């Protein structure tokens, strides 16, 4: 299988990417990259290797900070549903949704 760029600097096998699309990955909007990569890692054992200079911060420009609470809640429901359909356990799914949709 050939690797495919997903937009987050990571590569996925085309069969894993097809699996993501079949689950409705494309409907996750701004959360597709992070939630999709997490689901792929959880189910298929994919690994994302951070590189020198990579960093994470939470501020007024973070994903969830630019949207209304109701919008964040809507994305959280979609992301949680996606992760459950992908086979991610509830505790892990909740942690991913909190980190991605509300950070």
PDB file of N, CA and C in Angstrom:
ATOM      1  N   UNK A   1       0.846  -1.190   0.000  1.00  0.00           N
ATOM      2  CA  UNK A   1       0.000   0.000   0.000  1.00  0.00           C
ATOM      3  C   UNK A   1       0.880   1.238   0.000  1.00  0.00           C
ATOM      4  N   UNK A   2       0.438   2.243  -0.718  1.00  0.00           N
ATOM      5  CA  UNK A   2       1.208   3.477  -0.814  1.00  0.00           C
ATOM      6  C   UNK A   2       0.799   4.439   0.304  1.00  0.00           C
ATOM      7  N   UNK A   3       1.766   5.163   0.885  1.00  0.00           N
ATOM      8  CA  UNK A   3       1.419   6.149   1.915  1.00  0.00           C
ATOM      9  C   UNK A   3       0.695   7.337   1.298  1.00  0.00           C
ATOM     10  N   UNK A   4      -0.162   7.958   2.059  1.00  0.00           N
ATOM     11  CA  UNK A   4      -0.928   9.110   1.591  1.00  0.00           C
ATOM     12  C   UNK A   4      -0.838  10.216   2.626  1.00  0.00           C
ATOM     13  N   UNK A   5      -0.506  11.419   2.191  1.00  0.00           N
ATOM     14  CA  UNK A   5      -0.430  12.571   3.092  1.00  0.00           C
ATOM     15  C   UNK A   5      -1.837  12.944   3.562  1.00  0.00           C
ATOM     16  N   UNK A   6      -2.010  13.142   4.859  1.00  0.00           N
ATOM     17  CA  UNK A   6      -3.324  13.474   5.405  1.00  0.00           C
ATOM     18  C   UNK A   6      -3.469  14.940   5.790  1.00  0.00           C
ATOM     19  N   UNK A   7      -2.427  15.710   5.640  1.00  0.00           N
ATOM     20  CA  UNK A   7      -2.529  17.129   5.964  1.00  0.00           C
ATOM     21  C   UNK A   7      -1.965  17.488   7.315  1.00  0.00           C
ATOM     22  N   UNK A   8      -1.515  16.527   8.098  1.00  0.00           N
ATOM     23  CA  UNK A   8      -0.964  16.840   9.412  1.00  0.00           C
ATOM     24  C   UNK A   8       0.508  16.473   9.489  1.00  0.00           C
ATOM     25  N   UNK A   9       1.103  16.253   8.344  1.00  0.00           N
ATOM     26  CA  UNK A   9       2.514  15.911   8.327  1.00  0.00           C
ATOM     27  C   UNK A   9       2.754  14.446   8.593  1.00  0.00           C
ATOM     28  N   UNK A  10       1.724  13.646   8.515  1.00  0.00           N
ATOM     29  CA  UNK A  10       1.880  12.210   8.706  1.00  0.00           C
ATOM     30  C   UNK A  10       1.395  11.496   7.453  1.00  0.00           C
ATOM     31  N   UNK A  11       1.842  10.294   7.263  1.00  0.00           N
ATOM     32  CA  UNK A  11       1.419   9.511   6.112  1.00  0.00           C
ATOM     33  C   UNK A  11       0.642   8.301   6.580  1.00  0.00           C
ATOM     34  N   UNK A  12      -0.408   7.982   5.858  1.00  0.00           N
ATOM     35  CA  UNK A  12      -1.223   6.813   6.157  1.00  0.00           C
ATOM     36  C   UNK A  12      -1.226   5.897   4.943  1.00  0.00           C
ATOM     37  N   UNK A  13      -1.307   4.592   5.193  1.00  0.00           N
ATOM     38  CA  UNK A  13      -1.485   3.654   4.088  1.00  0.00           C
ATOM     39  C   UNK A  13      -2.823   3.956   3.432  1.00  0.00           C
ATOM     40  N   UNK A  14      -2.900   3.718   2.135  1.00  0.00           N
ATOM     41  CA  UNK A  14      -4.141   4.023   1.422  1.00  0.00           C
ATOM     42  C   UNK A  14      -5.317   3.181   1.928  1.00  0.00           C
ATOM     43  N   UNK A  15      -5.067   1.960   2.398  1.00  0.00           N
ATOM     44  CA  UNK A  15      -6.171   1.161   2.930  1.00  0.00           C
ATOM     45  C   UNK A  15      -6.702   1.761   4.236  1.00  0.00           C
ATOM     46  N   UNK A  16      -5.825   2.355   5.042  1.00  0.00           N
ATOM     47  CA  UNK A  16      -6.266   3.006   6.278  1.00  0.00           C
ATOM     48  C   UNK A  16      -7.026   4.285   5.933  1.00  0.00           C
ATOM     49  N   UNK A  17      -6.558   5.015   4.952  1.00  0.00           N
ATOM     50  CA  UNK A  17      -7.260   6.218   4.526  1.00  0.00           C
ATOM     51  C   UNK A  17      -8.650   5.862   3.997  1.00  0.00           C
ATOM     52  N   UNK A  18      -8.761   4.788   3.218  1.00  0.00           N
ATOM     53  CA  UNK A  18     -10.064   4.347   2.713  1.00  0.00           C
ATOM     54  C   UNK A  18     -10.984   3.976   3.879  1.00  0.00           C
ATOM     55  N   UNK A  19     -10.425   3.331   4.900  1.00  0.00           N
ATOM     56  CA  UNK A  19     -11.183   2.976   6.099  1.00  0.00           C
ATOM     57  C   UNK A  19     -11.726   4.235   6.770  1.00  0.00           C
ATOM     58  N   UNK A  20     -10.883   5.273   6.893  1.00  0.00           N
ATOM     59  CA  UNK A  20     -11.317   6.533   7.488  1.00  0.00           C
ATOM     60  C   UNK A  20     -12.472   7.144   6.692  1.00  0.00           C
ATOM     61  N   UNK A  21     -12.341   7.169   5.378  1.00  0.00           N
ATOM     62  CA  UNK A  21     -13.401   7.728   4.534  1.00  0.00           C
ATOM     63  C   UNK A  21     -14.692   6.944   4.690  1.00  0.00           C
ATOM     64  N   UNK A  22     -14.592   5.625   4.764  1.00  0.00           N
ATOM     65  CA  UNK A  22     -15.785   4.795   4.928  1.00  0.00           C
ATOM     66  C   UNK A  22     -16.508   5.095   6.240  1.00  0.00           C
ATOM     67  N   UNK A  23     -15.767   5.537   7.239  1.00  0.00           N
ATOM     68  CA  UNK A  23     -16.354   5.882   8.534  1.00  0.00           C
ATOM     69  C   UNK A  23     -16.914   7.306   8.575  1.00  0.00           C
ATOM     70  N   UNK A  24     -16.737   8.071   7.509  1.00  0.00           N
ATOM     71  CA  UNK A  24     -17.232   9.441   7.477  1.00  0.00           C
ATOM     72  C   UNK A  24     -16.237  10.470   7.972  1.00  0.00           C
ATOM     73  N   UNK A  25     -14.955  10.130   7.862  1.00  0.00           N
ATOM     74  CA  UNK A  25     -13.867  11.005   8.300  1.00  0.00           C
ATOM     75  C   UNK A  25     -13.984  12.413   7.735  1.00  0.00           C
ATOM     76  N   UNK A  26     -14.384  12.521   6.493  1.00  0.00           N
ATOM     77  CA  UNK A  26     -14.466  13.806   5.808  1.00  0.00           C
ATOM     78  C   UNK A  26     -15.518  14.740   6.407  1.00  0.00           C
ATOM     79  N   UNK A  27     -16.386  14.233   7.244  1.00  0.00           N
ATOM     80  CA  UNK A  27     -17.435  15.056   7.852  1.00  0.00           C
ATOM     81  C   UNK A  27     -17.013  15.677   9.179  1.00  0.00           C
ATOM     82  N   UNK A  28     -15.770  15.471   9.585  1.00  0.00           N
ATOM     83  CA  UNK A  28     -15.303  15.990  10.871  1.00  0.00           C
ATOM     84  C   UNK A  28     -14.709  17.385  10.782  1.00  0.00           C
ATOM     85  N   UNK A  29     -14.793  18.012   9.638  1.00  0.00           N
ATOM     86  CA  UNK A  29     -14.355  19.392   9.490  1.00  0.00           C
ATOM     87  C   UNK A  29     -12.953  19.634  10.014  1.00  0.00           C
ATOM     88  N   UNK A  30     -12.789  20.652  10.864  1.00  0.00           N
ATOM     89  CA  UNK A  30     -11.451  21.006  11.350  1.00  0.00           C
ATOM     90  C   UNK A  30     -10.821  19.949  12.249  1.00  0.00           C
ATOM     91  N   UNK A  31     -11.598  18.947  12.631  1.00  0.00           N
ATOM     92  CA  UNK A  31     -11.078  17.913  13.517  1.00  0.00           C
ATOM     93  C   UNK A  31     -10.700  16.639  12.779  1.00  0.00           C
ATOM     94  N   UNK A  32     -10.875  16.621  11.463  1.00  0.00           N
ATOM     95  CA  UNK A  32     -10.628  15.403  10.685  1.00  0.00           C
ATOM     96  C   UNK A  32      -9.190  14.903  10.828  1.00  0.00           C
ATOM     97  N   UNK A  33      -8.228  15.788  10.727  1.00  0.00           N
ATOM     98  CA  UNK A  33      -6.831  15.354  10.796  1.00  0.00           C
ATOM     99  C   UNK A  33      -6.490  14.733  12.138  1.00  0.00           C
ATOM    100  N   UNK A  34      -6.785  15.452  13.210  1.00  0.00           N
ATOM    101  CA  UNK A  34      -6.373  14.959  14.525  1.00  0.00           C
ATOM    102  C   UNK A  34      -7.179  13.747  14.968  1.00  0.00           C
ATOM    103  N   UNK A  35      -8.480  13.781  14.802  1.00  0.00           N
ATOM    104  CA  UNK A  35      -9.319  12.653  15.221  1.00  0.00           C
ATOM    105  C   UNK A  35      -9.076  11.457  14.317  1.00  0.00           C
ATOM    106  N   UNK A  36      -8.927  11.691  13.019  1.00  0.00           N
ATOM    107  CA  UNK A  36      -8.652  10.592  12.090  1.00  0.00           C
ATOM    108  C   UNK A  36      -7.321   9.923  12.372  1.00  0.00           C
ATOM    109  N   UNK A  37      -6.296  10.717  12.624  1.00  0.00           N
ATOM    110  CA  UNK A  37      -4.974  10.152  12.928  1.00  0.00           C
ATOM    111  C   UNK A  37      -5.016   9.370  14.234  1.00  0.00           C
ATOM    112  N   UNK A  38      -5.750   9.872  15.217  1.00  0.00           N
ATOM    113  CA  UNK A  38      -5.855   9.170  16.498  1.00  0.00           C
ATOM    114  C   UNK A  38      -6.583   7.841  16.334  1.00  0.00           C
ATOM    115  N   UNK A  39      -7.663   7.840  15.566  1.00  0.00           N
ATOM    116  CA  UNK A  39      -8.402   6.599  15.331  1.00  0.00           C
ATOM    117  C   UNK A  39      -7.534   5.595  14.586  1.00  0.00           C
ATOM    118  N   UNK A  40      -6.796   6.060  13.575  1.00  0.00           N
ATOM    119  CA  UNK A  40      -5.910   5.169  12.816  1.00  0.00           C
ATOM    120  C   UNK A  40      -4.835   4.582  13.713  1.00  0.00           C
ATOM    121  N   UNK A  41      -4.267   5.403  14.583  1.00  0.00           N
ATOM    122  CA  UNK A  41      -3.234   4.917  15.492  1.00  0.00           C
ATOM    123  C   UNK A  41      -3.804   3.891  16.459  1.00  0.00           C
ATOM    124  N   UNK A  42      -4.989   4.164  16.975  1.00  0.00           N
ATOM    125  CA  UNK A  42      -5.612   3.270  17.950  1.00  0.00           C
ATOM    126  C   UNK A  42      -5.948   1.911  17.330  1.00  0.00           C
ATOM    127  N   UNK A  43      -6.544   1.935  16.147  1.00  0.00           N
ATOM    128  CA  UNK A  43      -7.036   0.700  15.534  1.00  0.00           C
ATOM    129  C   UNK A  43      -5.968  -0.027  14.724  1.00  0.00           C
ATOM    130  N   UNK A  44      -5.167   0.718  13.984  1.00  0.00           N
ATOM    131  CA  UNK A  44      -4.220   0.104  13.052  1.00  0.00           C
ATOM    132  C   UNK A  44      -2.771   0.132  13.523  1.00  0.00           C
ATOM    133  N   UNK A  45      -2.525   0.765  14.658  1.00  0.00           N
ATOM    134  CA  UNK A  45      -1.177   0.797  15.192  1.00  0.00           C
ATOM    135  C   UNK A  45      -0.261   1.790  14.506  1.00  0.00           C
ATOM    136  N   UNK A  46      -0.826   2.747  13.803  1.00  0.00           N
ATOM    137  CA  UNK A  46      -0.013   3.769  13.158  1.00  0.00           C
ATOM    138  C   UNK A  46       0.633   4.634  14.231  1.00  0.00           C
ATOM    139  N   UNK A  47       1.799   5.158  13.953  1.00  0.00           N
ATOM    140  CA  UNK A  47       2.511   5.983  14.919  1.00  0.00           C
ATOM    141  C   UNK A  47       2.899   7.296  14.270  1.00  0.00           C
ATOM    142  N   UNK A  48       2.679   8.386  14.957  1.00  0.00           N
ATOM    143  CA  UNK A  48       3.108   9.701  14.512  1.00  0.00           C
ATOM    144  C   UNK A  48       4.344  10.063  15.317  1.00  0.00           C
ATOM    145  N   UNK A  49       5.427  10.346  14.657  1.00  0.00           N
ATOM    146  CA  UNK A  49       6.675  10.698  15.342  1.00  0.00           C
ATOM    147  C   UNK A  49       6.835  12.205  15.357  1.00  0.00           C
ATOM    148  N   UNK A  50       6.844  12.821  16.531  1.00  0.00           N
ATOM    149  CA  UNK A  50       7.085  14.261  16.592  1.00  0.00           C
ATOM    150  C   UNK A  50       8.512  14.581  16.147  1.00  0.00           C
ATOM    151  N   UNK A  51       8.690  15.774  15.660  1.00  0.00           N
ATOM    152  CA  UNK A  51      10.009  16.168  15.183  1.00  0.00           C
ATOM    153  C   UNK A  51      10.496  17.380  15.968  1.00  0.00           C
ATOM    154  N   UNK A  52      11.772  17.642  15.892  1.00  0.00           N
ATOM    155  CA  UNK A  52      12.351  18.783  16.589  1.00  0.00           C
ATOM    156  C   UNK A  52      11.648  20.056  16.125  1.00  0.00           C
ATOM    157  N   UNK A  53      11.215  20.843  17.075  1.00  0.00           N
ATOM    158  CA  UNK A  53      10.516  22.082  16.755  1.00  0.00           C
ATOM    159  C   UNK A  53       9.010  21.954  16.860  1.00  0.00           C
ATOM    160  N   UNK A  54       8.481  20.735  16.945  1.00  0.00           N
ATOM    161  CA  UNK A  54       7.037  20.568  17.098  1.00  0.00           C
ATOM    162  C   UNK A  54       6.636  20.994  18.502  1.00  0.00           C
ATOM    163  N   UNK A  55       5.513  21.643  18.618  1.00  0.00           N
ATOM    164  CA  UNK A  55       5.050  22.065  19.927  1.00  0.00           C
ATOM    165  C   UNK A  55       3.531  22.233  19.913  1.00  0.00           C
ATOM    166  N   UNK A  56       2.940  22.231  21.078  1.00  0.00           N
ATOM    167  CA  UNK A  56       1.505  22.389  21.238  1.00  0.00           C
ATOM    168  C   UNK A  56       1.268  23.478  22.259  1.00  0.00           C
ATOM    169  N   UNK A  57       0.308  24.312  22.006  1.00  0.00           N
ATOM    170  CA  UNK A  57      -0.056  25.317  22.996  1.00  0.00           C
ATOM    171  C   UNK A  57      -1.562  25.550  22.897  1.00  0.00           C
ATOM    172  N   UNK A  58      -2.134  26.034  23.966  1.00  0.00           N
ATOM    173  CA  UNK A  58      -3.553  26.356  24.000  1.00  0.00           C
ATOM    174  C   UNK A  58      -3.668  27.835  24.309  1.00  0.00           C
ATOM    175  N   UNK A  59      -4.286  28.557  23.411  1.00  0.00           N
ATOM    176  CA  UNK A  59      -4.507  29.982  23.616  1.00  0.00           C
ATOM    177  C   UNK A  59      -5.759  30.399  22.855  1.00  0.00           C
ATOM    178  N   UNK A  60      -5.981  31.679  22.686  1.00  0.00           N
ATOM    179  CA  UNK A  60      -7.182  32.157  22.019  1.00  0.00           C
ATOM    180  C   UNK A  60      -7.254  31.750  20.554  1.00  0.00           C
ATOM    181  N   UNK A  61      -6.142  31.296  19.978  1.00  0.00           N
ATOM    182  CA  UNK A  61      -6.129  30.872  18.586  1.00  0.00           C
ATOM    183  C   UNK A  61      -6.233  29.360  18.405  1.00  0.00           C
ATOM    184  N   UNK A  62      -6.364  28.610  19.496  1.00  0.00           N
ATOM    185  CA  UNK A  62      -6.505  27.168  19.395  1.00  0.00           C
ATOM    186  C   UNK A  62      -7.822  26.827  18.700  1.00  0.00           C
ATOM    187  N   UNK A  63      -7.907  25.620  18.150  1.00  0.00           N
ATOM    188  CA  UNK A  63      -9.089  25.221  17.383  1.00  0.00           C
ATOM    189  C   UNK A  63     -10.403  25.584  18.055  1.00  0.00           C
ATOM    190  N   UNK A  64     -10.633  25.102  19.258  1.00  0.00           N
ATOM    191  CA  UNK A  64     -11.912  25.271  19.922  1.00  0.00           C
ATOM    192  C   UNK A  64     -12.194  26.675  20.407  1.00  0.00           C
ATOM    193  N   UNK A  65     -11.190  27.520  20.480  1.00  0.00           N
ATOM    194  CA  UNK A  65     -11.383  28.846  21.048  1.00  0.00           C
ATOM    195  C   UNK A  65     -12.056  29.820  20.088  1.00  0.00           C
ATOM    196  N   UNK A  66     -12.076  29.499  18.809  1.00  0.00           N
ATOM    197  CA  UNK A  66     -12.621  30.425  17.816  1.00  0.00           C
ATOM    198  C   UNK A  66     -14.083  30.147  17.477  1.00  0.00           C
ATOM    199  N   UNK A  67     -14.697  29.222  18.169  1.00  0.00           N
ATOM    200  CA  UNK A  67     -16.071  28.864  17.857  1.00  0.00           C
ATOM    201  C   UNK A  67     -16.948  28.971  19.101  1.00  0.00           C
ATOM    202  N   UNK A  68     -18.238  29.128  18.859  1.00  0.00           N
ATOM    203  CA  UNK A  68     -19.200  29.196  19.961  1.00  0.00           C
ATOM    204  C   UNK A  68     -19.278  27.850  20.659  1.00  0.00           C
ATOM    205  N   UNK A  69     -19.668  27.874  21.914  1.00  0.00           N
ATOM    206  CA  UNK A  69     -19.776  26.636  22.692  1.00  0.00           C
ATOM    207  C   UNK A  69     -20.698  25.633  22.000  1.00  0.00           C
ATOM    208  N   UNK A  70     -21.801  26.102  21.430  1.00  0.00           N
ATOM    209  CA  UNK A  70     -22.731  25.190  20.758  1.00  0.00           C
ATOM    210  C   UNK A  70     -22.074  24.530  19.543  1.00  0.00           C
ATOM    211  N   UNK A  71     -21.218  25.266  18.837  1.00  0.00           N
ATOM    212  CA  UNK A  71     -20.493  24.682  17.705  1.00  0.00           C
ATOM    213  C   UNK A  71     -19.506  23.630  18.188  1.00  0.00           C
ATOM    214  N   UNK A  72     -18.787  23.936  19.268  1.00  0.00           N
ATOM    215  CA  UNK A  72     -17.834  22.969  19.826  1.00  0.00           C
ATOM    216  C   UNK A  72     -18.567  21.713  20.274  1.00  0.00           C
ATOM    217  N   UNK A  73     -19.732  21.894  20.891  1.00  0.00           N
ATOM    218  CA  UNK A  73     -20.519  20.741  21.338  1.00  0.00           C
ATOM    219  C   UNK A  73     -20.949  19.893  20.146  1.00  0.00           C
ATOM    220  N   UNK A  74     -21.338  20.540  19.065  1.00  0.00           N
ATOM    221  CA  UNK A  74     -21.736  19.812  17.860  1.00  0.00           C
ATOM    222  C   UNK A  74     -20.596  18.999  17.276  1.00  0.00           C
ATOM    223  N   UNK A  75     -19.400  19.601  17.204  1.00  0.00           N
ATOM    224  CA  UNK A  75     -18.225  18.872  16.708  1.00  0.00           C
ATOM    225  C   UNK A  75     -17.871  17.729  17.646  1.00  0.00           C
ATOM    226  N   UNK A  76     -18.022  17.961  18.950  1.00  0.00           N
ATOM    227  CA  UNK A  76     -17.701  16.920  19.929  1.00  0.00           C
ATOM    228  C   UNK A  76     -18.589  15.696  19.725  1.00  0.00           C
ATOM    229  N   UNK A  77     -19.873  15.912  19.477  1.00  0.00           N
ATOM    230  CA  UNK A  77     -20.802  14.793  19.247  1.00  0.00           C
ATOM    231  C   UNK A  77     -20.385  14.028  17.991  1.00  0.00           C
ATOM    232  N   UNK A  78     -20.058  14.749  16.920  1.00  0.00           N
ATOM    233  CA  UNK A  78     -19.638  14.082  15.679  1.00  0.00           C
ATOM    234  C   UNK A  78     -18.338  13.306  15.873  1.00  0.00           C
ATOM    235  N   UNK A  79     -17.392  13.914  16.564  1.00  0.00           N
ATOM    236  CA  UNK A  79     -16.098  13.257  16.777  1.00  0.00           C
ATOM    237  C   UNK A  79     -16.253  12.024  17.663  1.00  0.00           C
ATOM    238  N   UNK A  80     -17.036  12.125  18.712  1.00  0.00           N
ATOM    239  CA  UNK A  80     -17.255  10.980  19.604  1.00  0.00           C
ATOM    240  C   UNK A  80     -17.931   9.840  18.851  1.00  0.00           C
ATOM    241  N   UNK A  81     -18.928  10.158  18.049  1.00  0.00           N
ATOM    242  CA  UNK A  81     -19.628   9.143  17.254  1.00  0.00           C
ATOM    243  C   UNK A  81     -18.677   8.467  16.277  1.00  0.00           C
ATOM    244  N   UNK A  82     -17.832   9.262  15.627  1.00  0.00           N
ATOM    245  CA  UNK A  82     -16.844   8.723  14.696  1.00  0.00           C
ATOM    246  C   UNK A  82     -15.894   7.762  15.404  1.00  0.00           C
ATOM    247  N   UNK A  83     -15.370   8.185  16.546  1.00  0.00           N
ATOM    248  CA  UNK A  83     -14.421   7.359  17.286  1.00  0.00           C
ATOM    249  C   UNK A  83     -15.064   6.059  17.760  1.00  0.00           C
ATOM    250  N   UNK A  84     -16.311   6.122  18.200  1.00  0.00           N
ATOM    251  CA  UNK A  84     -17.012   4.900  18.603  1.00  0.00           C
ATOM    252  C   UNK A  84     -17.185   3.962  17.418  1.00  0.00           C
ATOM    253  N   UNK A  85     -17.564   4.504  16.267  1.00  0.00           N
ATOM    254  CA  UNK A  85     -17.728   3.682  15.064  1.00  0.00           C
ATOM    255  C   UNK A  85     -16.402   3.063  14.640  1.00  0.00           C
ATOM    256  N   UNK A  86     -15.299   3.765  14.913  1.00  0.00           N
ATOM    257  CA  UNK A  86     -13.966   3.270  14.548  1.00  0.00           C
ATOM    258  C   UNK A  86     -13.487   2.176  15.501  1.00  0.00           C
ATOM    259  N   UNK A  87     -14.141   2.030  16.656  1.00  0.00           N
ATOM    260  CA  UNK A  87     -13.737   1.008  17.612  1.00  0.00           C
ATOM    261  C   UNK A  87     -12.863   1.502  18.742  1.00  0.00           C
ATOM    262  N   UNK A  88     -12.782   2.820  18.912  1.00  0.00           N
ATOM    263  CA  UNK A  88     -11.982   3.400  19.997  1.00  0.00           C
ATOM    264  C   UNK A  88     -12.793   3.286  21.290  1.00  0.00           C
ATOM    265  N   UNK A  89     -12.153   2.837  22.378  1.00  0.00           N
ATOM    266  CA  UNK A  89     -12.879   2.684  23.636  1.00  0.00           C
ATOM    267  C   UNK A  89     -13.364   4.037  24.152  1.00  0.00           C
ATOM    268  N   UNK A  90     -14.424   4.010  24.952  1.00  0.00           N
ATOM    269  CA  UNK A  90     -15.103   5.226  25.402  1.00  0.00           C
ATOM    270  C   UNK A  90     -14.184   6.183  26.165  1.00  0.00           C
ATOM    271  N   UNK A  91     -13.352   5.654  27.037  1.00  0.00           N
ATOM    272  CA  UNK A  91     -12.471   6.522  27.834  1.00  0.00           C
ATOM    273  C   UNK A  91     -11.469   7.261  26.948  1.00  0.00           C
ATOM    274  N   UNK A  92     -10.883   6.549  25.995  1.00  0.00           N
ATOM    275  CA  UNK A  92      -9.936   7.175  25.073  1.00  0.00           C
ATOM    276  C   UNK A  92     -10.657   8.179  24.180  1.00  0.00           C
ATOM    277  N   UNK A  93     -11.831   7.803  23.681  1.00  0.00           N
ATOM    278  CA  UNK A  93     -12.604   8.709  22.828  1.00  0.00           C
ATOM    279  C   UNK A  93     -12.933   9.998  23.573  1.00  0.00           C
ATOM    280  N   UNK A  94     -13.370   9.879  24.823  1.00  0.00           N
ATOM    281  CA  UNK A  94     -13.684  11.075  25.610  1.00  0.00           C
ATOM    282  C   UNK A  94     -12.472  11.977  25.765  1.00  0.00           C
ATOM    283  N   UNK A  95     -11.316  11.388  26.052  1.00  0.00           N
ATOM    284  CA  UNK A  95     -10.094  12.186  26.217  1.00  0.00           C
ATOM    285  C   UNK A  95      -9.725  12.897  24.917  1.00  0.00           C
ATOM    286  N   UNK A  96      -9.842  12.208  23.802  1.00  0.00           N
ATOM    287  CA  UNK A  96      -9.517  12.818  22.512  1.00  0.00           C
ATOM    288  C   UNK A  96     -10.477  13.953  22.174  1.00  0.00           C
ATOM    289  N   UNK A  97     -11.746  13.751  22.449  1.00  0.00           N
ATOM    290  CA  UNK A  97     -12.748  14.780  22.150  1.00  0.00           C
ATOM    291  C   UNK A  97     -12.524  16.005  23.018  1.00  0.00           C
ATOM    292  N   UNK A  98     -12.255  15.810  24.286  1.00  0.00           N
ATOM    293  CA  UNK A  98     -12.010  16.955  25.171  1.00  0.00           C
ATOM    294  C   UNK A  98     -10.789  17.716  24.692  1.00  0.00           C
ATOM    295  N   UNK A  99      -9.731  17.009  24.381  1.00  0.00           N
ATOM    296  CA  UNK A  99      -8.483  17.670  23.964  1.00  0.00           C
ATOM    297  C   UNK A  99      -8.637  18.386  22.637  1.00  0.00           C
ATOM    298  N   UNK A 100      -9.341  17.791  21.686  1.00  0.00           N
ATOM    299  CA  UNK A 100      -9.417  18.368  20.359  1.00  0.00           C
ATOM    300  C   UNK A 100     -10.558  19.373  20.215  1.00  0.00           C
ATOM    301  N   UNK A 101     -11.705  19.090  20.763  1.00  0.00           N
ATOM    302  CA  UNK A 101     -12.863  19.952  20.537  1.00  0.00           C
ATOM    303  C   UNK A 101     -12.986  21.108  21.520  1.00  0.00           C
ATOM    304  N   UNK A 102     -12.342  20.993  22.678  1.00  0.00           N
ATOM    305  CA  UNK A 102     -12.496  22.034  23.688  1.00  0.00           C
ATOM    306  C   UNK A 102     -11.184  22.708  24.084  1.00  0.00           C
ATOM    307  N   UNK A 103     -10.068  22.294  23.500  1.00  0.00           N
ATOM    308  CA  UNK A 103      -8.775  22.897  23.849  1.00  0.00           C
ATOM    309  C   UNK A 103      -8.523  24.151  23.051  1.00  0.00           C
TER     310      UNK A 103
END
